[in-house]
Amino acid sequence: MRKQVPKYVKELVRKRTKAAQKLRETGIAVDEYCSSIGLDEFHPLFDDACIISDIRIWCEEDHAEPNTLETIEKVLNGETE
């Protein structure tokens, strides 16, 4: 008899899919806002911003949020460094 994926694992995979979809949607919204204030790939602070699906969102989640907010604040205040 062929083994089947346990129900709890199927549910975990479904949750992961939903979380990924939500993260993508949220990331797009953040990226669009940043672009609207001039924080795009040509801005000097771009690398600090944790945008455009930056890998730090996954592996440094404790730092991604404050880095993004700090960078947006700098851009809003006309800072470039």
N, C-alpha and C. Protein backbone atom coordinates (compact mmCIF):
# COMPACT_ATOMS: atom_id res chain seq x y z
N MET A 1 0.84 -1.19 0.00
CA MET A 1 0.00 0.00 0.00
C MET A 1 0.89 1.26 0.00
N ARG A 2 0.56 2.20 -0.84
CA ARG A 2 1.32 3.44 -0.96
C ARG A 2 1.03 4.36 0.23
N LYS A 3 2.08 4.92 0.81
CA LYS A 3 1.93 5.83 1.95
C LYS A 3 1.45 7.19 1.46
N GLN A 4 0.70 7.86 2.32
CA GLN A 4 0.14 9.16 1.99
C GLN A 4 0.73 10.22 2.92
N VAL A 5 0.69 11.45 2.47
CA VAL A 5 1.15 12.56 3.29
C VAL A 5 0.17 12.73 4.44
N PRO A 6 0.67 12.81 5.68
CA PRO A 6 -0.24 12.99 6.82
C PRO A 6 -1.03 14.30 6.70
N LYS A 7 -2.23 14.29 7.23
CA LYS A 7 -3.10 15.47 7.15
C LYS A 7 -2.46 16.70 7.76
N TYR A 8 -1.77 16.53 8.89
CA TYR A 8 -1.17 17.70 9.53
C TYR A 8 -0.08 18.30 8.65
N VAL A 9 0.62 17.47 7.89
CA VAL A 9 1.65 17.99 6.98
C VAL A 9 1.00 18.72 5.81
N LYS A 10 -0.09 18.17 5.30
CA LYS A 10 -0.84 18.85 4.23
C LYS A 10 -1.29 20.23 4.70
N GLU A 11 -1.77 20.30 5.94
CA GLU A 11 -2.22 21.58 6.49
C GLU A 11 -1.05 22.56 6.64
N LEU A 12 0.09 22.06 7.09
CA LEU A 12 1.28 22.92 7.19
C LEU A 12 1.68 23.47 5.83
N VAL A 13 1.64 22.64 4.82
CA VAL A 13 1.99 23.08 3.46
C VAL A 13 0.99 24.13 2.97
N ARG A 14 -0.29 23.92 3.24
CA ARG A 14 -1.31 24.92 2.87
C ARG A 14 -1.06 26.24 3.59
N LYS A 15 -0.74 26.17 4.89
CA LYS A 15 -0.45 27.39 5.66
C LYS A 15 0.76 28.11 5.09
N ARG A 16 1.79 27.34 4.72
CA ARG A 16 2.99 27.93 4.15
C ARG A 16 2.66 28.65 2.84
N THR A 17 1.83 28.02 2.02
CA THR A 17 1.44 28.63 0.75
C THR A 17 0.69 29.93 0.99
N LYS A 18 -0.26 29.93 1.92
CA LYS A 18 -1.01 31.14 2.22
C LYS A 18 -0.10 32.24 2.78
N ALA A 19 0.84 31.86 3.63
CA ALA A 19 1.77 32.84 4.19
C ALA A 19 2.65 33.43 3.09
N ALA A 20 3.09 32.60 2.17
CA ALA A 20 3.92 33.08 1.06
C ALA A 20 3.13 34.05 0.18
N GLN A 21 1.88 33.72 -0.08
CA GLN A 21 1.04 34.61 -0.89
C GLN A 21 0.84 35.95 -0.18
N LYS A 22 0.57 35.90 1.11
CA LYS A 22 0.36 37.12 1.88
C LYS A 22 1.65 37.95 1.94
N LEU A 23 2.79 37.29 2.12
CA LEU A 23 4.06 38.00 2.14
C LEU A 23 4.33 38.66 0.79
N ARG A 24 4.04 37.95 -0.30
CA ARG A 24 4.24 38.52 -1.63
C ARG A 24 3.37 39.77 -1.81
N GLU A 25 2.09 39.67 -1.45
CA GLU A 25 1.18 40.81 -1.58
C GLU A 25 1.64 41.99 -0.73
N THR A 26 2.04 41.70 0.50
CA THR A 26 2.50 42.75 1.41
C THR A 26 3.80 43.36 0.91
N GLY A 27 4.71 42.51 0.44
CA GLY A 27 5.98 42.99 -0.10
C GLY A 27 5.78 43.91 -1.28
N ILE A 28 4.86 43.55 -2.15
CA ILE A 28 4.57 44.40 -3.31
C ILE A 28 4.05 45.76 -2.85
N ALA A 29 3.18 45.77 -1.85
CA ALA A 29 2.64 47.04 -1.33
C ALA A 29 3.75 47.90 -0.74
N VAL A 30 4.66 47.29 0.03
CA VAL A 30 5.78 48.05 0.61
C VAL A 30 6.68 48.57 -0.52
N ASP A 31 7.00 47.72 -1.49
CA ASP A 31 7.85 48.11 -2.60
C ASP A 31 7.24 49.27 -3.39
N GLU A 32 5.92 49.21 -3.62
CA GLU A 32 5.24 50.29 -4.36
C GLU A 32 5.30 51.59 -3.58
N TYR A 33 5.11 51.53 -2.26
CA TYR A 33 5.22 52.74 -1.45
C TYR A 33 6.63 53.32 -1.53
N CYS A 34 7.62 52.45 -1.34
CA CYS A 34 9.01 52.92 -1.39
C CYS A 34 9.32 53.55 -2.74
N SER A 35 8.86 52.94 -3.79
CA SER A 35 9.07 53.50 -5.12
C SER A 35 8.40 54.87 -5.26
N SER A 36 7.21 55.01 -4.66
CA SER A 36 6.48 56.28 -4.76
C SER A 36 7.20 57.43 -4.05
N ILE A 37 8.07 57.12 -3.08
CA ILE A 37 8.82 58.18 -2.39
C ILE A 37 10.25 58.28 -2.92
N GLY A 38 10.53 57.55 -4.01
CA GLY A 38 11.84 57.64 -4.63
C GLY A 38 12.85 56.63 -4.15
N LEU A 39 12.44 55.73 -3.29
CA LEU A 39 13.36 54.71 -2.78
C LEU A 39 13.28 53.50 -3.70
N ASP A 40 14.07 53.55 -4.76
CA ASP A 40 14.10 52.47 -5.73
C ASP A 40 15.53 52.00 -5.91
N GLU A 41 15.77 51.14 -6.88
CA GLU A 41 17.11 50.56 -7.05
C GLU A 41 18.19 51.58 -7.39
N PHE A 42 17.80 52.80 -7.72
CA PHE A 42 18.78 53.84 -8.04
C PHE A 42 19.09 54.74 -6.84
N HIS A 43 18.36 54.58 -5.75
CA HIS A 43 18.57 55.40 -4.56
C HIS A 43 19.78 54.89 -3.78
N PRO A 44 20.60 55.81 -3.24
CA PRO A 44 21.80 55.38 -2.50
C PRO A 44 21.51 54.51 -1.28
N LEU A 45 20.33 54.61 -0.69
CA LEU A 45 19.99 53.82 0.49
C LEU A 45 19.25 52.53 0.15
N PHE A 46 19.14 52.23 -1.12
CA PHE A 46 18.36 51.07 -1.55
C PHE A 46 18.80 49.78 -0.87
N ASP A 47 20.10 49.56 -0.75
CA ASP A 47 20.60 48.31 -0.16
C ASP A 47 20.28 48.18 1.32
N ASP A 48 19.97 49.28 2.00
CA ASP A 48 19.63 49.24 3.42
C ASP A 48 18.15 48.96 3.67
N ALA A 49 17.34 49.03 2.63
CA ALA A 49 15.89 49.09 2.81
C ALA A 49 15.17 47.76 3.01
N CYS A 50 15.78 46.63 2.70
CA CYS A 50 15.11 45.32 2.81
C CYS A 50 13.81 45.31 2.02
N ILE A 51 13.89 45.73 0.77
CA ILE A 51 12.72 45.70 -0.10
C ILE A 51 13.03 44.86 -1.32
N ILE A 52 12.07 44.77 -2.21
CA ILE A 52 12.18 43.97 -3.42
C ILE A 52 12.51 42.51 -3.06
N SER A 53 11.70 41.95 -2.21
CA SER A 53 11.86 40.55 -1.80
C SER A 53 13.26 40.23 -1.29
N ASP A 54 13.80 41.12 -0.53
CA ASP A 54 15.14 40.96 0.05
C ASP A 54 15.20 39.69 0.90
N ILE A 55 16.24 38.93 0.75
CA ILE A 55 16.40 37.66 1.47
C ILE A 55 16.43 37.87 2.98
N ARG A 56 16.80 39.07 3.43
CA ARG A 56 16.85 39.34 4.87
C ARG A 56 15.48 39.22 5.53
N ILE A 57 14.42 39.34 4.75
CA ILE A 57 13.08 39.16 5.29
C ILE A 57 12.94 37.76 5.87
N TRP A 58 13.60 36.79 5.25
CA TRP A 58 13.51 35.39 5.68
C TRP A 58 14.56 35.04 6.72
N CYS A 59 15.80 35.48 6.52
CA CYS A 59 16.87 34.98 7.38
C CYS A 59 17.28 35.97 8.48
N GLU A 60 16.84 37.20 8.39
CA GLU A 60 17.15 38.19 9.43
C GLU A 60 15.89 38.99 9.76
N GLU A 61 14.80 38.28 10.00
CA GLU A 61 13.52 38.96 10.17
C GLU A 61 13.52 39.97 11.31
N ASP A 62 14.35 39.77 12.34
CA ASP A 62 14.41 40.73 13.45
C ASP A 62 15.05 42.04 13.04
N HIS A 63 15.86 42.01 11.99
CA HIS A 63 16.54 43.22 11.53
C HIS A 63 15.86 43.85 10.31
N ALA A 64 15.16 43.05 9.53
CA ALA A 64 14.54 43.57 8.31
C ALA A 64 13.54 44.69 8.60
N GLU A 65 12.70 44.49 9.59
CA GLU A 65 11.68 45.50 9.90
C GLU A 65 12.30 46.84 10.32
N PRO A 66 13.18 46.87 11.33
CA PRO A 66 13.74 48.17 11.71
C PRO A 66 14.59 48.79 10.60
N ASN A 67 15.32 47.98 9.83
CA ASN A 67 16.12 48.52 8.73
C ASN A 67 15.24 49.19 7.69
N THR A 68 14.13 48.54 7.34
CA THR A 68 13.22 49.10 6.35
C THR A 68 12.62 50.41 6.86
N LEU A 69 12.12 50.39 8.09
CA LEU A 69 11.48 51.60 8.63
C LEU A 69 12.48 52.75 8.77
N GLU A 70 13.68 52.45 9.23
CA GLU A 70 14.70 53.48 9.37
C GLU A 70 15.07 54.07 8.00
N THR A 71 15.19 53.24 7.01
CA THR A 71 15.54 53.72 5.67
C THR A 71 14.43 54.56 5.09
N ILE A 72 13.18 54.14 5.24
CA ILE A 72 12.06 54.94 4.73
C ILE A 72 12.04 56.31 5.42
N GLU A 73 12.26 56.32 6.73
CA GLU A 73 12.29 57.59 7.46
C GLU A 73 13.40 58.50 6.95
N LYS A 74 14.56 57.93 6.67
CA LYS A 74 15.66 58.73 6.13
C LYS A 74 15.27 59.34 4.79
N VAL A 75 14.66 58.56 3.93
CA VAL A 75 14.26 59.06 2.62
C VAL A 75 13.21 60.16 2.77
N LEU A 76 12.24 59.95 3.65
CA LEU A 76 11.21 60.96 3.87
C LEU A 76 11.80 62.27 4.39
N ASN A 77 12.93 62.18 5.08
CA ASN A 77 13.59 63.37 5.63
C ASN A 77 14.73 63.88 4.77
N GLY A 78 14.83 63.37 3.55
CA GLY A 78 15.81 63.87 2.60
C GLY A 78 17.23 63.42 2.83
N GLU A 79 17.45 62.42 3.67
CA GLU A 79 18.79 61.93 3.93
C GLU A 79 19.21 60.93 2.84
N THR A 80 20.49 60.91 2.52
CA THR A 80 20.98 59.96 1.51
C THR A 80 22.06 59.06 2.04
N GLU A 81 22.34 59.15 3.31
CA GLU A 81 23.36 58.27 3.93
C GLU A 81 22.86 57.70 5.22
